[in-house]
Every structure is written in structure tokens, then in C-alpha cells.
Amino acid sequence: MMARVALLLQRPAARIALAIFFSCAGLLHFIFPQQYAGAMPPWLPAHAALVLVSGVCELAGGIGLLVPQLRRAAGIGLLLLCVAVWPANLQMLMSALAADKAMWIVVLLTLRLPLQIPLMLWIWYASRR
């Protein structure tokens, strides 16, 4: 019982941290759009537009987590966004390998791929009532 109460008390902090994380990430899409466009798989069209759309989605999702009436929809949207951007994360790793980047970069990009799962669990947890 006490553990459940402790978890419920942690949910607002988890939600705020996640909202800050996604809001900052969304803003970075507008500050460094070329970096994000360069990470996109070549088979995707309109890289510049997709970077802006994903930035707007991250901002909207981050802000939506803080609005009780929008929280569930924001959570669903952020979960879908995580699935949608996973190919870009994979592309970043493949590009780093092809460019013979430093091993520490390859390791970080490799670790990033499975970290989508805990991030998605965090979104699910923070967007629940």
C-alpha cells in the first residue's frame, strides 16, 4: 500500500520531467534543424518538413502532459512519436558506423536504440491518471 502511494506521489514529478524533456527536444528541432534532417533515413521524403513536424509534436506532447484534459492524448501521441522516430535513431547508428566514427559515439548510439523502451514506459506512466 505504501509503495503504491509513493508511486502515485512520484507521478507528477515524472510528468513534469518528461514535459521538460520533450519540450526542450522539440525546441531543438527549430534551433538545429540541419542536425535532425541529417539523421533521417534517406528513404523518407521532405526531411526539413518532417523535422519541423516532429518538433511541433514533441512540444505539443510535452505541454499536453501538463494539461489534465490533454494528458492521455499527449501520452498516446508521444508513444506514437517514439515509434516514428526510431528509424532516425537507427539511421544515426548506421551513418556513424559507415563514417567510422569514434567507438564511444557508436556505443552511445547503440545504447540509444533499446532506451526507447524505458522512455515509452515513462511516457505511459506519466500520462496515466
N, C-alpha and C. Protein backbone atom coordinates (compact mmCIF):
# COMPACT_ATOMS: atom_id res chain seq x y z
N MET A 1 0.82 -1.20 0.00
CA MET A 1 0.00 0.00 0.00
C MET A 1 0.86 1.26 0.00
N MET A 2 1.86 1.28 0.87
CA MET A 2 2.73 2.45 0.95
C MET A 2 3.53 2.64 -0.34
N ALA A 3 3.93 1.51 -0.93
CA ALA A 3 4.69 1.60 -2.18
C ALA A 3 3.82 2.20 -3.29
N ARG A 4 2.54 1.82 -3.31
CA ARG A 4 1.62 2.36 -4.32
C ARG A 4 1.43 3.86 -4.12
N VAL A 5 1.28 4.29 -2.89
CA VAL A 5 1.12 5.71 -2.58
C VAL A 5 2.39 6.46 -3.00
N ALA A 6 3.56 5.89 -2.72
CA ALA A 6 4.81 6.53 -3.11
C ALA A 6 4.90 6.69 -4.62
N LEU A 7 4.47 5.65 -5.35
CA LEU A 7 4.49 5.74 -6.81
C LEU A 7 3.55 6.83 -7.31
N LEU A 8 2.38 6.92 -6.70
CA LEU A 8 1.42 7.95 -7.13
C LEU A 8 1.95 9.35 -6.86
N LEU A 9 2.69 9.51 -5.78
CA LEU A 9 3.27 10.82 -5.47
C LEU A 9 4.40 11.16 -6.43
N GLN A 10 5.06 10.15 -6.97
CA GLN A 10 6.14 10.38 -7.91
C GLN A 10 5.63 10.72 -9.31
N ARG A 11 4.41 10.36 -9.60
CA ARG A 11 3.90 10.57 -10.96
C ARG A 11 3.95 12.04 -11.39
N PRO A 12 3.54 13.02 -10.55
CA PRO A 12 3.65 14.41 -11.01
C PRO A 12 5.09 14.82 -11.34
N ALA A 13 6.04 14.38 -10.56
CA ALA A 13 7.44 14.71 -10.84
C ALA A 13 7.89 14.07 -12.15
N ALA A 14 7.48 12.82 -12.37
CA ALA A 14 7.83 12.13 -13.62
C ALA A 14 7.21 12.86 -14.80
N ARG A 15 6.01 13.32 -14.63
CA ARG A 15 5.28 14.02 -15.70
C ARG A 15 5.97 15.36 -16.03
N ILE A 16 6.34 16.10 -14.99
CA ILE A 16 6.99 17.39 -15.21
C ILE A 16 8.34 17.21 -15.88
N ALA A 17 9.11 16.24 -15.41
CA ALA A 17 10.42 15.98 -16.02
C ALA A 17 10.28 15.59 -17.48
N LEU A 18 9.30 14.75 -17.77
CA LEU A 18 9.07 14.32 -19.15
C LEU A 18 8.60 15.49 -20.02
N ALA A 19 7.76 16.34 -19.46
CA ALA A 19 7.29 17.51 -20.20
C ALA A 19 8.45 18.43 -20.53
N ILE A 20 9.35 18.63 -19.59
CA ILE A 20 10.53 19.47 -19.84
C ILE A 20 11.42 18.81 -20.90
N PHE A 21 11.63 17.51 -20.78
CA PHE A 21 12.46 16.78 -21.73
C PHE A 21 11.94 16.93 -23.15
N PHE A 22 10.65 16.67 -23.36
CA PHE A 22 10.10 16.73 -24.72
C PHE A 22 9.97 18.16 -25.22
N SER A 23 9.67 19.10 -24.34
CA SER A 23 9.59 20.50 -24.77
C SER A 23 10.95 21.00 -25.23
N CYS A 24 11.99 20.68 -24.47
CA CYS A 24 13.35 21.09 -24.88
C CYS A 24 13.75 20.39 -26.17
N ALA A 25 13.47 19.10 -26.28
CA ALA A 25 13.79 18.37 -27.50
C ALA A 25 13.06 18.97 -28.69
N GLY A 26 11.80 19.34 -28.50
CA GLY A 26 11.04 19.95 -29.59
C GLY A 26 11.63 21.28 -30.02
N LEU A 27 12.04 22.09 -29.06
CA LEU A 27 12.66 23.38 -29.39
C LEU A 27 13.96 23.20 -30.17
N LEU A 28 14.71 22.16 -29.81
CA LEU A 28 15.98 21.92 -30.51
C LEU A 28 15.77 21.62 -31.99
N HIS A 29 14.60 21.10 -32.35
CA HIS A 29 14.30 20.86 -33.77
C HIS A 29 14.29 22.17 -34.56
N PHE A 30 13.92 23.25 -33.90
CA PHE A 30 13.85 24.55 -34.56
C PHE A 30 15.19 25.30 -34.49
N ILE A 31 16.00 24.98 -33.49
CA ILE A 31 17.30 25.64 -33.32
C ILE A 31 18.36 24.99 -34.21
N PHE A 32 18.34 23.66 -34.29
CA PHE A 32 19.33 22.90 -35.08
C PHE A 32 18.65 21.97 -36.09
N PRO A 33 17.83 22.51 -36.99
CA PRO A 33 17.09 21.63 -37.90
C PRO A 33 17.99 20.79 -38.81
N GLN A 34 19.16 21.32 -39.19
CA GLN A 34 20.04 20.57 -40.08
C GLN A 34 20.54 19.29 -39.41
N GLN A 35 20.79 19.34 -38.11
CA GLN A 35 21.26 18.16 -37.39
C GLN A 35 20.20 17.05 -37.44
N TYR A 36 18.96 17.44 -37.24
CA TYR A 36 17.88 16.45 -37.25
C TYR A 36 17.62 15.93 -38.66
N ALA A 37 17.66 16.82 -39.64
CA ALA A 37 17.44 16.39 -41.03
C ALA A 37 18.53 15.42 -41.47
N GLY A 38 19.75 15.65 -41.03
CA GLY A 38 20.85 14.77 -41.39
C GLY A 38 20.75 13.39 -40.78
N ALA A 39 19.96 13.26 -39.72
CA ALA A 39 19.81 11.97 -39.05
C ALA A 39 18.70 11.13 -39.66
N MET A 40 17.94 11.70 -40.56
CA MET A 40 16.78 11.00 -41.10
C MET A 40 17.18 9.98 -42.16
N PRO A 41 16.47 8.87 -42.22
CA PRO A 41 16.76 7.88 -43.27
C PRO A 41 16.55 8.49 -44.65
N PRO A 42 17.41 8.13 -45.60
CA PRO A 42 17.31 8.73 -46.94
C PRO A 42 16.01 8.39 -47.66
N TRP A 43 15.34 7.32 -47.28
CA TRP A 43 14.11 6.94 -47.98
C TRP A 43 12.90 7.78 -47.57
N LEU A 44 13.05 8.58 -46.50
CA LEU A 44 11.95 9.47 -46.11
C LEU A 44 11.97 10.74 -46.95
N PRO A 45 10.81 11.21 -47.37
CA PRO A 45 10.75 12.46 -48.15
C PRO A 45 10.72 13.68 -47.23
N ALA A 46 10.96 14.83 -47.78
CA ALA A 46 10.74 16.12 -47.13
C ALA A 46 11.35 16.19 -45.73
N HIS A 47 12.65 15.97 -45.65
CA HIS A 47 13.32 15.94 -44.34
C HIS A 47 13.07 17.21 -43.53
N ALA A 48 13.20 18.37 -44.16
CA ALA A 48 13.04 19.63 -43.43
C ALA A 48 11.63 19.74 -42.84
N ALA A 49 10.63 19.39 -43.60
CA ALA A 49 9.25 19.46 -43.11
C ALA A 49 9.03 18.46 -41.98
N LEU A 50 9.56 17.26 -42.12
CA LEU A 50 9.38 16.24 -41.08
C LEU A 50 10.08 16.64 -39.78
N VAL A 51 11.21 17.32 -39.89
CA VAL A 51 11.90 17.81 -38.69
C VAL A 51 11.00 18.81 -37.96
N LEU A 52 10.41 19.72 -38.70
CA LEU A 52 9.54 20.72 -38.07
C LEU A 52 8.29 20.08 -37.48
N VAL A 53 7.70 19.14 -38.20
CA VAL A 53 6.50 18.46 -37.70
C VAL A 53 6.83 17.68 -36.42
N SER A 54 7.96 16.97 -36.41
CA SER A 54 8.30 16.21 -35.21
C SER A 54 8.62 17.15 -34.05
N GLY A 55 9.21 18.30 -34.34
CA GLY A 55 9.46 19.28 -33.29
C GLY A 55 8.16 19.81 -32.69
N VAL A 56 7.20 20.11 -33.54
CA VAL A 56 5.89 20.56 -33.07
C VAL A 56 5.22 19.47 -32.24
N CYS A 57 5.33 18.23 -32.69
CA CYS A 57 4.72 17.11 -31.95
C CYS A 57 5.36 16.95 -30.58
N GLU A 58 6.68 17.09 -30.50
CA GLU A 58 7.34 16.98 -29.20
C GLU A 58 6.93 18.11 -28.28
N LEU A 59 6.87 19.32 -28.81
CA LEU A 59 6.42 20.46 -27.99
C LEU A 59 4.97 20.26 -27.52
N ALA A 60 4.11 19.89 -28.44
CA ALA A 60 2.69 19.70 -28.09
C ALA A 60 2.54 18.58 -27.08
N GLY A 61 3.28 17.50 -27.27
CA GLY A 61 3.20 16.39 -26.32
C GLY A 61 3.71 16.77 -24.96
N GLY A 62 4.83 17.47 -24.91
CA GLY A 62 5.38 17.90 -23.63
C GLY A 62 4.43 18.82 -22.88
N ILE A 63 3.88 19.79 -23.58
CA ILE A 63 2.93 20.71 -22.95
C ILE A 63 1.64 19.98 -22.59
N GLY A 64 1.19 19.10 -23.48
CA GLY A 64 -0.04 18.36 -23.24
C GLY A 64 0.01 17.49 -22.00
N LEU A 65 1.18 16.99 -21.65
CA LEU A 65 1.30 16.18 -20.43
C LEU A 65 0.95 16.98 -19.18
N LEU A 66 1.08 18.30 -19.26
CA LEU A 66 0.81 19.14 -18.09
C LEU A 66 -0.64 19.59 -18.00
N VAL A 67 -1.42 19.32 -19.02
CA VAL A 67 -2.83 19.71 -19.05
C VAL A 67 -3.67 18.46 -18.83
N PRO A 68 -4.35 18.36 -17.67
CA PRO A 68 -5.07 17.12 -17.36
C PRO A 68 -6.01 16.63 -18.46
N GLN A 69 -6.71 17.54 -19.13
CA GLN A 69 -7.65 17.14 -20.17
C GLN A 69 -6.94 16.61 -21.41
N LEU A 70 -5.69 16.95 -21.60
CA LEU A 70 -4.93 16.54 -22.79
C LEU A 70 -3.92 15.45 -22.49
N ARG A 71 -3.74 15.12 -21.23
CA ARG A 71 -2.65 14.23 -20.80
C ARG A 71 -2.66 12.89 -21.52
N ARG A 72 -3.81 12.25 -21.59
CA ARG A 72 -3.88 10.93 -22.22
C ARG A 72 -3.56 11.00 -23.71
N ALA A 73 -4.14 11.99 -24.39
CA ALA A 73 -3.87 12.15 -25.82
C ALA A 73 -2.40 12.50 -26.06
N ALA A 74 -1.84 13.33 -25.19
CA ALA A 74 -0.42 13.68 -25.32
C ALA A 74 0.45 12.43 -25.15
N GLY A 75 0.10 11.59 -24.19
CA GLY A 75 0.85 10.36 -23.97
C GLY A 75 0.79 9.44 -25.18
N ILE A 76 -0.40 9.28 -25.73
CA ILE A 76 -0.55 8.44 -26.92
C ILE A 76 0.25 9.02 -28.08
N GLY A 77 0.17 10.33 -28.26
CA GLY A 77 0.92 10.99 -29.32
C GLY A 77 2.43 10.82 -29.15
N LEU A 78 2.92 10.96 -27.93
CA LEU A 78 4.35 10.80 -27.69
C LEU A 78 4.80 9.36 -27.89
N LEU A 79 3.94 8.41 -27.52
CA LEU A 79 4.28 7.00 -27.76
C LEU A 79 4.39 6.73 -29.27
N LEU A 80 3.45 7.25 -30.02
CA LEU A 80 3.50 7.08 -31.48
C LEU A 80 4.72 7.79 -32.08
N LEU A 81 5.05 8.93 -31.52
CA LEU A 81 6.22 9.67 -32.00
C LEU A 81 7.50 8.87 -31.75
N CYS A 82 7.59 8.23 -30.60
CA CYS A 82 8.77 7.39 -30.31
C CYS A 82 8.93 6.28 -31.35
N VAL A 83 7.82 5.69 -31.73
CA VAL A 83 7.87 4.65 -32.76
C VAL A 83 8.28 5.27 -34.11
N ALA A 84 7.75 6.44 -34.40
CA ALA A 84 8.01 7.09 -35.69
C ALA A 84 9.46 7.54 -35.83
N VAL A 85 10.10 7.95 -34.75
CA VAL A 85 11.47 8.46 -34.86
C VAL A 85 12.52 7.36 -34.68
N TRP A 86 12.10 6.15 -34.34
CA TRP A 86 13.06 5.07 -34.16
C TRP A 86 13.91 4.82 -35.41
N PRO A 87 13.35 4.87 -36.62
CA PRO A 87 14.20 4.71 -37.81
C PRO A 87 15.30 5.77 -37.92
N ALA A 88 15.04 6.98 -37.47
CA ALA A 88 16.08 8.02 -37.48
C ALA A 88 17.19 7.67 -36.49
N ASN A 89 16.82 7.11 -35.34
CA ASN A 89 17.83 6.69 -34.37
C ASN A 89 18.69 5.58 -34.95
N LEU A 90 18.07 4.65 -35.63
CA LEU A 90 18.81 3.57 -36.29
C LEU A 90 19.70 4.12 -37.40
N GLN A 91 19.17 5.07 -38.15
CA GLN A 91 19.95 5.69 -39.23
C GLN A 91 21.19 6.39 -38.68
N MET A 92 21.05 7.05 -37.53
CA MET A 92 22.20 7.71 -36.92
C MET A 92 23.30 6.70 -36.61
N LEU A 93 22.93 5.54 -36.09
CA LEU A 93 23.90 4.50 -35.79
C LEU A 93 24.55 3.98 -37.07
N MET A 94 23.73 3.71 -38.08
CA MET A 94 24.27 3.19 -39.34
C MET A 94 25.21 4.21 -40.00
N SER A 95 24.87 5.47 -39.93
CA SER A 95 25.72 6.52 -40.50
C SER A 95 27.03 6.63 -39.73
N ALA A 96 26.97 6.51 -38.42
CA ALA A 96 28.18 6.57 -37.60
C ALA A 96 29.10 5.40 -37.91
N LEU A 97 28.51 4.22 -38.09
CA LEU A 97 29.32 3.05 -38.44
C LEU A 97 29.96 3.22 -39.82
N ALA A 98 29.19 3.73 -40.77
CA ALA A 98 29.70 3.91 -42.13
C ALA A 98 30.79 4.97 -42.18
N ALA A 99 30.70 5.98 -41.32
CA ALA A 99 31.69 7.05 -41.30
C ALA A 99 32.87 6.73 -40.39
N ASP A 100 32.85 5.53 -39.80
CA ASP A 100 33.93 5.09 -38.91
C ASP A 100 34.13 6.09 -37.76
N LYS A 101 33.01 6.48 -37.15
CA LYS A 101 33.06 7.41 -36.02
C LYS A 101 33.73 6.75 -34.82
N ALA A 102 34.07 7.57 -33.84
CA ALA A 102 34.72 7.08 -32.62
C ALA A 102 33.84 6.02 -31.95
N MET A 103 34.50 5.06 -31.31
CA MET A 103 33.79 3.95 -30.68
C MET A 103 32.78 4.44 -29.64
N TRP A 104 33.11 5.49 -28.87
CA TRP A 104 32.19 5.95 -27.84
C TRP A 104 30.90 6.49 -28.45
N ILE A 105 30.99 7.08 -29.64
CA ILE A 105 29.78 7.56 -30.33
C ILE A 105 28.93 6.38 -30.75
N VAL A 106 29.57 5.37 -31.32
CA VAL A 106 28.85 4.17 -31.75
C VAL A 106 28.18 3.49 -30.56
N VAL A 107 28.88 3.42 -29.44
CA VAL A 107 28.31 2.80 -28.23
C VAL A 107 27.09 3.59 -27.76
N LEU A 108 27.20 4.90 -27.70
CA LEU A 108 26.06 5.71 -27.26
C LEU A 108 24.86 5.56 -28.19
N LEU A 109 25.12 5.57 -29.49
CA LEU A 109 24.02 5.42 -30.45
C LEU A 109 23.42 4.03 -30.39
N THR A 110 24.23 3.03 -30.09
CA THR A 110 23.72 1.67 -29.93
C THR A 110 22.84 1.57 -28.69
N LEU A 111 23.29 2.17 -27.60
CA LEU A 111 22.51 2.14 -26.36
C LEU A 111 21.20 2.91 -26.48
N ARG A 112 21.21 3.89 -27.34
CA ARG A 112 20.02 4.72 -27.53
C ARG A 112 18.83 3.92 -28.06
N LEU A 113 19.11 2.94 -28.90
CA LEU A 113 18.03 2.18 -29.53
C LEU A 113 17.16 1.45 -28.50
N PRO A 114 17.72 0.64 -27.61
CA PRO A 114 16.85 -0.03 -26.63
C PRO A 114 16.33 0.92 -25.55
N LEU A 115 16.92 2.09 -25.40
CA LEU A 115 16.43 3.04 -24.39
C LEU A 115 15.07 3.64 -24.77
N GLN A 116 14.65 3.42 -26.02
CA GLN A 116 13.30 3.86 -26.41
C GLN A 116 12.24 3.13 -25.57
N ILE A 117 12.54 1.90 -25.18
CA ILE A 117 11.55 1.12 -24.41
C ILE A 117 11.31 1.74 -23.04
N PRO A 118 12.36 2.02 -22.22
CA PRO A 118 12.08 2.68 -20.95
C PRO A 118 11.47 4.07 -21.12
N LEU A 119 11.87 4.78 -22.19
CA LEU A 119 11.27 6.08 -22.44
C LEU A 119 9.78 5.93 -22.70
N MET A 120 9.40 4.94 -23.46
CA MET A 120 7.98 4.71 -23.74
C MET A 120 7.24 4.28 -22.48
N LEU A 121 7.86 3.51 -21.62
CA LEU A 121 7.24 3.15 -20.34
C LEU A 121 7.07 4.38 -19.46
N TRP A 122 8.03 5.27 -19.49
CA TRP A 122 7.96 6.52 -18.74
C TRP A 122 6.79 7.37 -19.25
N ILE A 123 6.65 7.46 -20.55
CA ILE A 123 5.53 8.21 -21.13
C ILE A 123 4.21 7.60 -20.68
N TRP A 124 4.11 6.28 -20.78
CA TRP A 124 2.87 5.60 -20.37
C TRP A 124 2.56 5.89 -18.91
N TYR A 125 3.57 5.78 -18.06
CA TYR A 125 3.38 6.01 -16.63
C TYR A 125 2.96 7.46 -16.35
N ALA A 126 3.64 8.40 -16.98
CA ALA A 126 3.39 9.81 -16.69
C ALA A 126 2.07 10.31 -17.27
N SER A 127 1.56 9.65 -18.30
CA SER A 127 0.34 10.15 -18.95
C SER A 127 -0.92 9.49 -18.40
N ARG A 128 -0.76 8.54 -17.48
CA ARG A 128 -1.94 7.92 -16.87
C ARG A 128 -2.52 8.84 -15.80
N ARG A 129 -3.77 8.60 -15.49
CA ARG A 129 -4.43 9.38 -14.42
C ARG A 129 -4.00 8.88 -13.06
